[in-house]
Amino acid sequence: MKAGSVRSVTASFAGPVLAFGIMLGRRLVPDPDGTLVVSLLFAAVTAGAVLGGRWSALATASLGALGLVLAATDAATIGTVVSVGIMFGIAIVAGELRNRVERAERGVDSANARLKRLALRDALTGLLDRRGFEVALSAELARATRRNGRCSLVVLELTGLRLANERLGRSIGDTLLQVFADAVERRIRQSDIAARVGDDEFGVILPDTDGAGAELVARQIIASFLVDIGGIVPADLALGSSFGIAQFPADARKSDDLLTIAGRQAGEHSAEGPPE
């Protein structure tokens, strides 16, 4: 159970306990001026506000007031009214302060989480960046190790990007990177993880996938990309992609070693386009 839920449950019991305690205490303990009761109410309502927020504090105050009224004598009527007013004032102010603090804390947590997500994303493609990819790869290798499973890592290089930048401009080069990222996302499963790991390099983590399955995914990505760029670059521009594959645990068990192996093999499989 979350800490907030524990606080709310605890605060919800405070009112009934307080009401019963007030009635019993007024019957058993002489307190002509009500000092003891008011002090106890002050402490209890403040605790209710701190534990559960405004509404729990008001519930505590209401039930506490009920106990105070039921236990009051005619001589203590004025003191009772004053005590009730004090309780509700405390409940509203302290509870509202508690709620504002909690809202502020939630806002900070949400902002920090968003900044963390953005910090691990490539601004151009929206995929994970190199650091985010390394974190994800380490987590996947740990998961595969616990389950005695396997996974494959694919590194894809976009060949001819520098020439495209020189001939067509950086804006076209950026568009090509975005098109490639889109092709990657369309061809992978929801459980797979994709990232831009270099200027013209992309990485894909394929859980529970062998080398043959990884090669199939890589070729599908490249085929989709070559079709998509047909209307973007001229036919005489030698633009394509190559890929390399590393398997866990067959090729290596460490993330750095897998990245090195896949990167080294990236030139062994390639395709160029665009198609006619």
Foldseek 3Di string as FASTA:
>chain_A
DDQLVVLQVVLQVLQQVLLVVLQVCLVPPDDPQCPVVLVVLLVSLLSSLQRHALVSSVSNLVSNLVSLVVNDDPSCVVVSVVSSVVSNVSSRVSRVVNVVVVVVVVVVVVVVVVVVQVVQADPLQRAGEQVVVQVVVVVLLVVCVVVVAKKKKKKKFKPLLVVCCVPPNVVLSSVLVNLLSVLLVVLDDPPKGKYAYDPGMIMIIGTRDDPVRVVVSVVSSQLSSLQVCPPRDDFPRWIGMFMFMDMPPVRHSHPVSRVVRGVVCRVVGMDTGNDD
